[in-house]
Protein backbone atom coordinates (compact mmCIF):
# COMPACT_ATOMS: atom_id res chain seq x y z
CA MET A 1 -9.12 -10.51 -2.50
CA GLN A 2 -9.60 -8.29 0.51
CA LEU A 3 -13.22 -7.88 1.44
CA SER A 4 -13.15 -8.02 5.23
CA PHE A 5 -11.18 -9.27 8.19
CA SER A 6 -13.06 -12.53 7.99
CA THR A 7 -11.53 -13.28 4.60
CA HIS A 8 -8.18 -14.99 4.19
CA ILE A 9 -6.00 -11.97 3.32
CA ALA A 10 -6.07 -8.29 2.32
CA ALA A 11 -3.78 -6.02 0.31
CA THR A 12 -1.51 -3.47 -1.88
CA ALA A 13 1.80 -3.30 -3.81
CA LEU A 14 4.63 -0.90 -4.54
CA GLY A 15 4.47 -2.22 -8.09
CA ALA A 16 0.84 -1.08 -8.05
CA LEU A 17 1.25 2.63 -8.69
CA VAL A 18 -1.69 4.88 -7.98
CA LEU A 19 -2.30 5.10 -11.73
CA CYS A 20 -1.08 1.63 -12.67
CA ALA A 21 -2.60 -1.74 -11.91
CA PRO A 22 -0.19 -4.06 -10.07
CA LEU A 23 1.88 -6.53 -12.01
CA ALA A 24 2.15 -10.19 -11.14
CA ARG A 25 5.13 -10.82 -8.93
CA ALA A 26 8.10 -12.79 -10.12
CA GLU A 27 9.87 -15.37 -8.00
CA THR A 28 12.54 -13.08 -6.59
CA LYS A 29 11.91 -12.12 -2.96
CA THR A 30 14.42 -10.81 -0.45
CA HIS A 31 13.73 -10.47 3.26
CA SER A 32 15.78 -8.47 5.70
CA HIS A 33 15.74 -7.76 9.40
CA ASP A 34 19.40 -6.69 9.44
CA HIS A 35 18.79 -3.10 8.40
CA ALA A 36 22.11 -1.92 9.80
CA ALA A 37 23.90 -3.97 7.18
CA HIS A 38 22.81 -1.62 4.39
CA ASP A 39 25.30 0.97 3.20
CA HIS A 40 23.26 4.04 2.31
CA ALA A 41 26.15 5.98 0.78
CA HIS A 42 25.86 4.97 -2.85
CA SER A 43 27.29 6.81 -5.81
CA HIS A 44 24.57 5.58 -8.18
CA ASP A 45 21.45 6.33 -6.14
CA HIS A 46 18.30 6.51 -8.21
CA SER A 47 16.18 9.64 -8.19
CA ALA A 48 12.95 10.01 -6.23
CA ASP A 49 11.00 9.51 -9.47
CA ASP A 50 12.92 6.32 -10.24
CA ILE A 51 12.18 5.00 -6.76
CA TYR A 52 8.47 5.85 -7.06
CA HIS A 53 8.33 3.74 -10.20
CA GLY A 54 10.18 0.82 -8.61
CA HIS A 55 13.78 1.29 -9.74
CA PHE A 56 16.33 1.52 -6.94
CA ASP A 57 19.45 -0.06 -5.46
CA ASP A 58 19.39 -2.26 -2.37
CA SER A 59 21.73 0.24 -0.71
CA GLN A 60 18.95 2.84 -0.82
CA ILE A 61 16.51 0.77 1.25
CA ALA A 62 16.17 1.73 4.91
CA ALA A 63 14.04 0.63 7.84
CA ARG A 64 10.88 2.57 8.62
CA THR A 65 8.64 2.92 11.65
CA LEU A 66 4.91 3.46 12.03
CA ALA A 67 5.71 7.15 12.45
CA ASP A 68 5.71 7.39 8.63
CA TRP A 69 2.02 6.45 8.48
CA GLN A 70 0.65 8.31 11.50
CA GLY A 71 -2.75 9.89 11.14
CA ASP A 72 -6.39 9.40 10.26
CA TRP A 73 -6.92 7.72 6.87
CA GLN A 74 -9.89 7.12 4.58
CA SER A 75 -10.39 4.37 2.02
CA VAL A 76 -10.68 5.56 -1.58
CA TYR A 77 -13.02 2.70 -2.49
CA PRO A 78 -16.19 4.72 -1.75
CA LEU A 79 -14.85 7.45 -4.05
CA LEU A 80 -14.53 4.94 -6.87
CA GLN A 81 -18.05 3.71 -6.26
CA ASN A 82 -19.68 7.15 -6.21
CA GLY A 83 -17.98 8.37 -9.38
CA THR A 84 -15.53 10.84 -7.81
CA LEU A 85 -12.60 8.95 -9.34
CA ASP A 86 -14.13 8.73 -12.83
CA PRO A 87 -11.78 11.51 -14.06
CA VAL A 88 -8.84 9.39 -12.88
CA MET A 89 -10.02 6.43 -14.94
CA GLN A 90 -10.50 8.70 -17.96
CA HIS A 91 -7.02 10.15 -17.44
CA LYS A 92 -5.58 6.64 -17.52
CA ALA A 93 -7.48 5.85 -20.72
CA GLU A 94 -5.75 8.71 -22.51
CA SER A 95 -2.63 6.55 -22.77
CA GLY A 96 -2.47 2.86 -23.55
CA ASP A 97 -5.12 0.65 -25.09
CA LYS A 98 -7.58 0.30 -22.20
CA SER A 99 -10.80 2.26 -21.88
CA ALA A 100 -11.86 4.11 -18.76
CA ALA A 101 -14.37 1.33 -18.15
CA ASP A 102 -11.61 -1.28 -18.37
CA HIS A 103 -9.53 0.60 -15.82
CA ARG A 104 -12.49 0.94 -13.52
CA VAL A 105 -12.92 -2.84 -13.47
CA THR A 106 -9.28 -3.23 -12.42
CA TYR A 107 -9.61 -0.66 -9.66
CA GLU A 108 -12.91 -2.08 -8.48
CA THR A 109 -10.95 -5.20 -7.54
CA GLY A 110 -7.88 -3.29 -6.41
CA TYR A 111 -9.52 -0.79 -4.07
CA LYS A 112 -12.28 -3.05 -2.74
CA THR A 113 -12.53 -3.16 1.05
CA ASP A 114 -15.09 -2.68 3.80
CA VAL A 115 -12.54 -1.03 6.10
CA ASP A 116 -13.40 2.60 5.52
CA ARG A 117 -11.09 4.19 8.07
CA ILE A 118 -7.71 3.49 9.67
CA VAL A 119 -6.20 5.56 12.48
CA ILE A 120 -2.52 5.15 13.35
CA ASP A 121 -1.43 6.71 16.64
CA GLY A 122 2.02 5.76 17.90
CA ASP A 123 2.19 1.97 17.72
CA THR A 124 -1.60 1.56 17.86
CA VAL A 125 -3.56 0.87 14.66
CA THR A 126 -7.35 1.17 14.80
CA PHE A 127 -9.63 -0.09 12.04
CA THR A 128 -13.25 0.85 11.35
CA GLN A 129 -15.18 -1.80 9.46
CA ASN A 130 -18.92 -1.43 8.87
CA ASP A 131 -19.08 1.09 11.75
CA VAL A 132 -17.33 -1.34 14.12
CA THR A 133 -13.97 -0.23 15.52
CA PHE A 134 -11.16 -2.49 16.74
CA GLY A 135 -7.38 -2.40 16.79
CA GLY A 136 -4.08 -3.52 18.15
CA THR A 137 -0.53 -2.63 19.04
CA TYR A 138 2.00 -3.40 16.30
CA ALA A 139 5.77 -3.90 16.32
CA ASP A 140 8.29 -3.76 13.48
CA ASP A 141 8.74 -7.09 11.67
CA GLY A 142 11.20 -6.01 8.99
CA TYR A 143 10.53 -5.63 5.30
CA GLU A 144 10.40 -7.63 2.08
CA VAL A 145 11.81 -6.62 -1.29
CA LEU A 146 9.64 -7.87 -4.15
CA THR A 147 10.60 -8.10 -7.81
CA TYR A 148 7.83 -7.84 -10.40
CA LYS A 149 7.65 -9.40 -13.84
CA ALA A 150 8.08 -6.01 -15.50
CA GLY A 151 11.47 -5.65 -13.80
CA ASN A 152 10.52 -2.99 -11.27
CA ARG A 153 10.63 -3.69 -7.55
CA GLY A 154 8.84 -2.77 -4.37
CA VAL A 155 9.35 -2.84 -0.63
CA ARG A 156 6.71 -4.02 1.83
CA TYR A 157 7.14 -2.70 5.36
CA ILE A 158 5.71 -5.22 7.81
CA PHE A 159 4.38 -4.91 11.36
CA GLU A 160 3.15 -7.69 13.65
CA LYS A 161 0.41 -7.44 16.25
CA VAL A 162 1.74 -7.86 19.78
CA ALA A 163 -1.47 -6.97 21.64
CA GLY A 164 -5.03 -5.96 20.90
CA ASP A 165 -8.43 -7.12 19.76
CA ALA A 166 -8.91 -10.56 18.29
CA GLN A 167 -10.47 -9.01 15.16
CA ALA A 168 -7.30 -7.04 14.42
CA PRO A 169 -5.04 -8.77 11.86
CA ALA A 170 -1.83 -10.45 12.94
CA PHE A 171 0.16 -8.62 10.26
CA ILE A 172 -0.10 -5.37 8.33
CA GLN A 173 2.09 -4.57 5.32
CA PHE A 174 2.53 -1.05 3.95
CA SER A 175 3.45 -0.07 0.42
CA ASP A 176 3.61 3.60 -0.52
CA HIS A 177 6.24 3.74 -3.29
CA ALA A 178 8.94 4.80 -0.80
CA ILE A 179 11.91 2.74 0.39
CA ALA A 180 13.26 4.85 3.26
CA PRO A 181 11.79 6.97 6.07
CA GLN A 182 9.40 9.70 4.91
CA THR A 183 5.90 10.84 5.72
CA ALA A 184 3.41 9.01 3.52
CA GLY A 185 0.93 10.99 1.44
CA HIS A 186 -1.10 7.84 0.80
CA TYR A 187 -0.50 4.13 1.09
CA HIS A 188 -1.75 0.73 0.02
CA LEU A 189 -2.24 -1.79 2.80
CA TYR A 190 -2.25 -5.55 3.00
CA TRP A 191 -3.38 -7.27 6.18
CA GLY A 192 -4.12 -10.75 7.44
CA ASP A 193 -2.87 -13.55 9.65
CA ASP A 194 -0.45 -15.21 7.20
CA ARG A 195 2.66 -13.08 6.68
CA ALA A 196 3.95 -15.01 3.66
CA ALA A 197 0.59 -15.28 1.91
CA LEU A 198 0.15 -11.51 2.00
CA LEU A 199 3.26 -11.12 -0.13
CA ASP A 200 1.53 -13.01 -2.95
CA GLU A 201 -1.43 -10.61 -3.07
CA VAL A 202 -1.18 -8.31 -6.09
CA THR A 203 -4.78 -7.86 -7.24
CA ASN A 204 -6.41 -6.31 -4.16
CA TRP A 205 -4.64 -3.28 -2.69
CA PRO A 206 -6.92 -1.10 -0.55
CA THR A 207 -5.65 2.45 -0.73
CA TYR A 208 -5.82 5.14 1.93
CA TYR A 209 -5.52 8.92 1.85
CA PRO A 210 -5.72 11.42 4.74
CA SER A 211 -9.28 11.73 6.01
CA ASP A 212 -9.15 15.52 5.79
CA LYS A 213 -8.69 15.44 2.01
CA THR A 214 -11.74 15.85 -0.21
CA GLY A 215 -12.55 13.42 -2.98
CA ASP A 216 -11.62 16.01 -5.61
CA GLN A 217 -8.25 16.61 -3.93
CA ILE A 218 -7.54 12.88 -3.92
CA ALA A 219 -8.48 12.55 -7.60
CA ALA A 220 -6.20 15.47 -8.48
CA ASP A 221 -3.33 13.89 -6.54
CA MET A 222 -3.79 10.57 -8.35
CA MET A 223 -3.73 12.26 -11.75
CA ALA A 224 -0.61 14.21 -10.83
CA HIS A 225 1.26 10.89 -10.56
């Protein structure tokens, strides 16, 4: 579980939709650095909604750069703690057999982090943890395609630190429900020093929205999905 940079690992998952807790990952895992090998002209491409929910063809996957996640980002964990996201939990309880309180327990684990702010500027990623700021320069390290037990899939886009502060993690892995270049509206982030171990994290998925969004705007966005 991701609590700080001193812990073993930290996290998020494409299978973990903003309104759905992540599902345990199955054994299937595909890694690719050879992005040019993908044929993106496919007559059976899934829709944007299909992709958001984890249903897509390999031919639709494309490489992405840090340009997709540029900006100043805030953690949503404080919003869960102060009650701003209570309407989101209630919205979830309106379908299925879990109460709002049950969902809140899941998201308490999922969103938990002490990294309140992340700023991505070019290839530099800066983290603010307990009012202490540190960062590093990150380079593309490919992506991983994960298959979940429910049958849906996700893509983790991975970047490796090539310079920077010792406190900055060796690897960061983005998941934002997209599988090709596009500007992210929010994202879940995994980070740590063990690339492979991060791929096994499906219970803790710190989530970040633009820092200029209010808590009410973020809650409305979550319920819209």
